[in-house]
Amino acid sequence: MTSYGPEIPSSFYLWNGGIIAAIIILAVWSAIWKGFALYRAGSNHSPAWFVILMIFNTVGILEILYLFVFGKKKATVEAPVYQTPAT
């Protein structure tokens, strides 16, 4: 009997469960980090970072870097208030 196409390998069934589950887990992982990073970029009034994080999908890598390295709020030092003594 002549075969007209490649036979389906037995490992094909791993694609149905294992790969699809991994893709779903990866998508949820990325969405969680993206949400935190976009929230912080919006809170820090950083429109450039917001757009970059919104456009590029890096499986959470860029988002984690932004949250822990680039997105920290700068410490603001308030000028001391001097009061003149009452005479």
N, C-alpha and C. Protein backbone atom coordinates (compact mmCIF):
# COMPACT_ATOMS: atom_id res chain seq x y z
N MET A 1 0.84 -1.17 0.00
CA MET A 1 0.00 0.00 0.00
C MET A 1 0.90 1.24 0.00
N THR A 2 0.53 2.21 -0.77
CA THR A 2 1.32 3.42 -0.91
C THR A 2 0.81 4.48 0.06
N SER A 3 1.76 5.12 0.73
CA SER A 3 1.41 6.19 1.67
C SER A 3 1.53 7.52 0.93
N TYR A 4 0.50 8.34 1.01
CA TYR A 4 0.50 9.62 0.30
C TYR A 4 0.91 10.80 1.18
N GLY A 5 1.23 10.57 2.39
CA GLY A 5 1.64 11.66 3.27
C GLY A 5 2.36 11.10 4.47
N PRO A 6 2.99 11.98 5.23
CA PRO A 6 3.70 11.50 6.41
C PRO A 6 2.71 11.00 7.46
N GLU A 7 3.12 9.99 8.14
CA GLU A 7 2.27 9.49 9.21
C GLU A 7 2.36 10.43 10.40
N ILE A 8 1.30 10.48 11.15
CA ILE A 8 1.28 11.34 12.33
C ILE A 8 2.12 10.66 13.41
N PRO A 9 3.17 11.35 13.88
CA PRO A 9 4.00 10.73 14.91
C PRO A 9 3.23 10.61 16.23
N SER A 10 3.65 9.68 17.05
CA SER A 10 2.96 9.48 18.32
C SER A 10 3.15 10.67 19.25
N SER A 11 4.20 11.46 19.04
CA SER A 11 4.41 12.64 19.88
C SER A 11 3.46 13.77 19.53
N PHE A 12 2.68 13.61 18.48
CA PHE A 12 1.72 14.64 18.10
C PHE A 12 0.73 14.91 19.22
N TYR A 13 0.41 13.91 19.98
CA TYR A 13 -0.59 14.08 21.04
C TYR A 13 -0.07 14.91 22.20
N LEU A 14 1.24 15.05 22.32
CA LEU A 14 1.78 15.96 23.33
C LEU A 14 1.44 17.41 22.99
N TRP A 15 1.29 17.70 21.72
CA TRP A 15 0.94 19.05 21.31
C TRP A 15 -0.44 19.42 21.81
N ASN A 16 -1.33 18.47 21.86
CA ASN A 16 -2.69 18.76 22.29
C ASN A 16 -2.74 19.21 23.74
N GLY A 17 -2.03 18.59 24.62
CA GLY A 17 -2.11 18.91 26.03
C GLY A 17 -0.95 19.73 26.55
N GLY A 18 0.26 19.23 26.37
CA GLY A 18 1.43 19.85 26.97
C GLY A 18 1.77 21.21 26.41
N ILE A 19 1.82 21.33 25.12
CA ILE A 19 2.21 22.60 24.50
C ILE A 19 1.13 23.65 24.71
N ILE A 20 -0.11 23.26 24.56
CA ILE A 20 -1.20 24.23 24.74
C ILE A 20 -1.24 24.71 26.18
N ALA A 21 -1.03 23.83 27.14
CA ALA A 21 -1.00 24.23 28.55
C ALA A 21 0.17 25.18 28.81
N ALA A 22 1.33 24.90 28.22
CA ALA A 22 2.49 25.77 28.39
C ALA A 22 2.24 27.15 27.80
N ILE A 23 1.59 27.20 26.66
CA ILE A 23 1.27 28.49 26.03
C ILE A 23 0.30 29.28 26.90
N ILE A 24 -0.69 28.62 27.45
CA ILE A 24 -1.66 29.31 28.32
C ILE A 24 -0.98 29.83 29.58
N ILE A 25 -0.14 29.01 30.20
CA ILE A 25 0.58 29.44 31.40
C ILE A 25 1.49 30.62 31.08
N LEU A 26 2.19 30.57 29.96
CA LEU A 26 3.07 31.66 29.55
C LEU A 26 2.29 32.94 29.27
N ALA A 27 1.12 32.83 28.67
CA ALA A 27 0.29 34.00 28.38
C ALA A 27 -0.22 34.63 29.67
N VAL A 28 -0.63 33.82 30.63
CA VAL A 28 -1.10 34.36 31.91
C VAL A 28 0.06 35.02 32.65
N TRP A 29 1.22 34.38 32.67
CA TRP A 29 2.42 34.94 33.30
C TRP A 29 2.75 36.31 32.71
N SER A 30 2.76 36.39 31.40
CA SER A 30 3.08 37.64 30.71
C SER A 30 2.04 38.71 30.99
N ALA A 31 0.77 38.34 31.00
CA ALA A 31 -0.30 39.32 31.23
C ALA A 31 -0.23 39.90 32.64
N ILE A 32 0.10 39.08 33.61
CA ILE A 32 0.20 39.58 34.99
C ILE A 32 1.33 40.60 35.11
N TRP A 33 2.51 40.27 34.61
CA TRP A 33 3.64 41.20 34.68
C TRP A 33 3.37 42.46 33.87
N LYS A 34 2.73 42.30 32.70
CA LYS A 34 2.41 43.45 31.87
C LYS A 34 1.45 44.38 32.59
N GLY A 35 0.48 43.83 33.29
CA GLY A 35 -0.47 44.65 34.04
C GLY A 35 0.22 45.47 35.12
N PHE A 36 1.09 44.83 35.91
CA PHE A 36 1.81 45.55 36.95
C PHE A 36 2.71 46.64 36.36
N ALA A 37 3.42 46.31 35.28
CA ALA A 37 4.35 47.27 34.68
C ALA A 37 3.59 48.44 34.05
N LEU A 38 2.48 48.18 33.38
CA LEU A 38 1.71 49.26 32.78
C LEU A 38 1.11 50.16 33.85
N TYR A 39 0.68 49.58 34.95
CA TYR A 39 0.14 50.38 36.05
C TYR A 39 1.21 51.31 36.62
N ARG A 40 2.41 50.76 36.82
CA ARG A 40 3.48 51.60 37.37
C ARG A 40 3.91 52.66 36.37
N ALA A 41 3.99 52.32 35.09
CA ALA A 41 4.38 53.32 34.09
C ALA A 41 3.35 54.44 34.03
N GLY A 42 2.08 54.11 34.16
CA GLY A 42 1.05 55.14 34.19
C GLY A 42 1.12 55.98 35.45
N SER A 43 1.39 55.34 36.57
CA SER A 43 1.50 56.07 37.84
C SER A 43 2.71 56.99 37.86
N ASN A 44 3.78 56.58 37.20
CA ASN A 44 5.00 57.40 37.16
C ASN A 44 4.96 58.45 36.06
N HIS A 45 3.85 58.54 35.34
CA HIS A 45 3.72 59.48 34.22
C HIS A 45 4.85 59.29 33.22
N SER A 46 5.04 58.04 32.80
CA SER A 46 6.08 57.69 31.82
C SER A 46 5.42 57.19 30.54
N PRO A 47 4.98 58.11 29.67
CA PRO A 47 4.27 57.66 28.47
C PRO A 47 5.14 56.84 27.53
N ALA A 48 6.44 57.13 27.46
CA ALA A 48 7.32 56.36 26.57
C ALA A 48 7.40 54.90 27.03
N TRP A 49 7.60 54.69 28.32
CA TRP A 49 7.64 53.33 28.85
C TRP A 49 6.30 52.64 28.68
N PHE A 50 5.22 53.38 28.88
CA PHE A 50 3.88 52.79 28.74
C PHE A 50 3.69 52.25 27.33
N VAL A 51 4.06 53.03 26.34
CA VAL A 51 3.90 52.61 24.94
C VAL A 51 4.82 51.43 24.63
N ILE A 52 6.06 51.49 25.09
CA ILE A 52 7.01 50.39 24.84
C ILE A 52 6.49 49.10 25.46
N LEU A 53 6.03 49.18 26.70
CA LEU A 53 5.53 47.97 27.37
C LEU A 53 4.26 47.45 26.73
N MET A 54 3.46 48.36 26.18
CA MET A 54 2.20 47.95 25.56
C MET A 54 2.44 47.26 24.21
N ILE A 55 3.45 47.72 23.47
CA ILE A 55 3.67 47.20 22.11
C ILE A 55 4.46 45.90 22.12
N PHE A 56 5.56 45.86 22.87
CA PHE A 56 6.46 44.72 22.81
C PHE A 56 6.04 43.62 23.78
N ASN A 57 5.96 42.41 23.27
CA ASN A 57 5.67 41.24 24.10
C ASN A 57 6.97 40.48 24.31
N THR A 58 7.48 40.54 25.52
CA THR A 58 8.76 39.90 25.82
C THR A 58 8.62 38.83 26.89
N VAL A 59 7.45 38.26 27.02
CA VAL A 59 7.17 37.18 27.97
C VAL A 59 7.52 37.60 29.39
N GLY A 60 7.31 38.85 29.70
CA GLY A 60 7.51 39.34 31.05
C GLY A 60 8.90 39.83 31.37
N ILE A 61 9.87 39.63 30.48
CA ILE A 61 11.25 40.01 30.79
C ILE A 61 11.39 41.52 30.88
N LEU A 62 10.92 42.25 29.88
CA LEU A 62 11.02 43.71 29.89
C LEU A 62 10.18 44.29 31.02
N GLU A 63 9.03 43.70 31.29
CA GLU A 63 8.17 44.18 32.35
C GLU A 63 8.84 44.03 33.72
N ILE A 64 9.48 42.90 33.96
CA ILE A 64 10.17 42.68 35.23
C ILE A 64 11.33 43.65 35.37
N LEU A 65 12.09 43.86 34.29
CA LEU A 65 13.18 44.83 34.34
C LEU A 65 12.66 46.23 34.66
N TYR A 66 11.55 46.61 34.03
CA TYR A 66 11.00 47.94 34.30
C TYR A 66 10.58 48.07 35.76
N LEU A 67 9.91 47.05 36.28
CA LEU A 67 9.41 47.13 37.65
C LEU A 67 10.53 47.22 38.67
N PHE A 68 11.60 46.45 38.49
CA PHE A 68 12.62 46.37 39.51
C PHE A 68 13.87 47.21 39.25
N VAL A 69 14.06 47.68 38.02
CA VAL A 69 15.27 48.45 37.71
C VAL A 69 14.95 49.87 37.27
N PHE A 70 14.16 50.00 36.20
CA PHE A 70 13.96 51.30 35.58
C PHE A 70 12.78 52.08 36.14
N GLY A 71 11.79 51.42 36.69
CA GLY A 71 10.55 52.08 37.05
C GLY A 71 10.44 52.57 38.47
N LYS A 72 11.53 52.56 39.20
CA LYS A 72 11.45 53.01 40.59
C LYS A 72 11.27 54.52 40.61
N LYS A 73 10.40 54.94 41.52
CA LYS A 73 10.18 56.38 41.66
C LYS A 73 11.43 57.03 42.23
N LYS A 74 11.74 58.18 41.70
CA LYS A 74 12.87 58.93 42.20
C LYS A 74 12.48 59.55 43.54
N ALA A 75 13.37 59.48 44.48
CA ALA A 75 13.10 60.06 45.79
C ALA A 75 13.12 61.58 45.65
N THR A 76 12.05 62.19 46.09
CA THR A 76 11.98 63.64 46.02
C THR A 76 12.33 64.20 47.39
N VAL A 77 13.19 65.16 47.37
CA VAL A 77 13.61 65.81 48.60
C VAL A 77 12.89 67.14 48.68
N GLU A 78 12.12 67.28 49.74
CA GLU A 78 11.41 68.53 49.91
C GLU A 78 12.32 69.54 50.59
N ALA A 79 12.17 70.78 50.17
CA ALA A 79 12.96 71.84 50.76
C ALA A 79 12.49 72.06 52.19
N PRO A 80 13.43 72.23 53.10
CA PRO A 80 13.02 72.44 54.49
C PRO A 80 12.28 73.77 54.63
N VAL A 81 11.31 73.77 55.50
CA VAL A 81 10.53 74.98 55.75
C VAL A 81 11.12 75.66 56.98
N TYR A 82 11.58 76.86 56.76
CA TYR A 82 12.16 77.63 57.87
C TYR A 82 11.11 78.57 58.41
N GLN A 83 10.97 78.55 59.70
CA GLN A 83 10.03 79.47 60.33
C GLN A 83 10.83 80.53 61.06
N THR A 84 10.38 81.73 60.90
CA THR A 84 11.05 82.82 61.60
C THR A 84 10.52 82.86 63.02
N PRO A 85 11.41 83.02 63.96
CA PRO A 85 10.95 83.05 65.36
C PRO A 85 10.12 84.31 65.62
N ALA A 86 9.10 84.14 66.42
CA ALA A 86 8.24 85.28 66.77
C ALA A 86 8.97 86.16 67.77
N THR A 87 8.89 87.44 67.56
CA THR A 87 9.56 88.37 68.48
C THR A 87 8.57 89.07 69.35
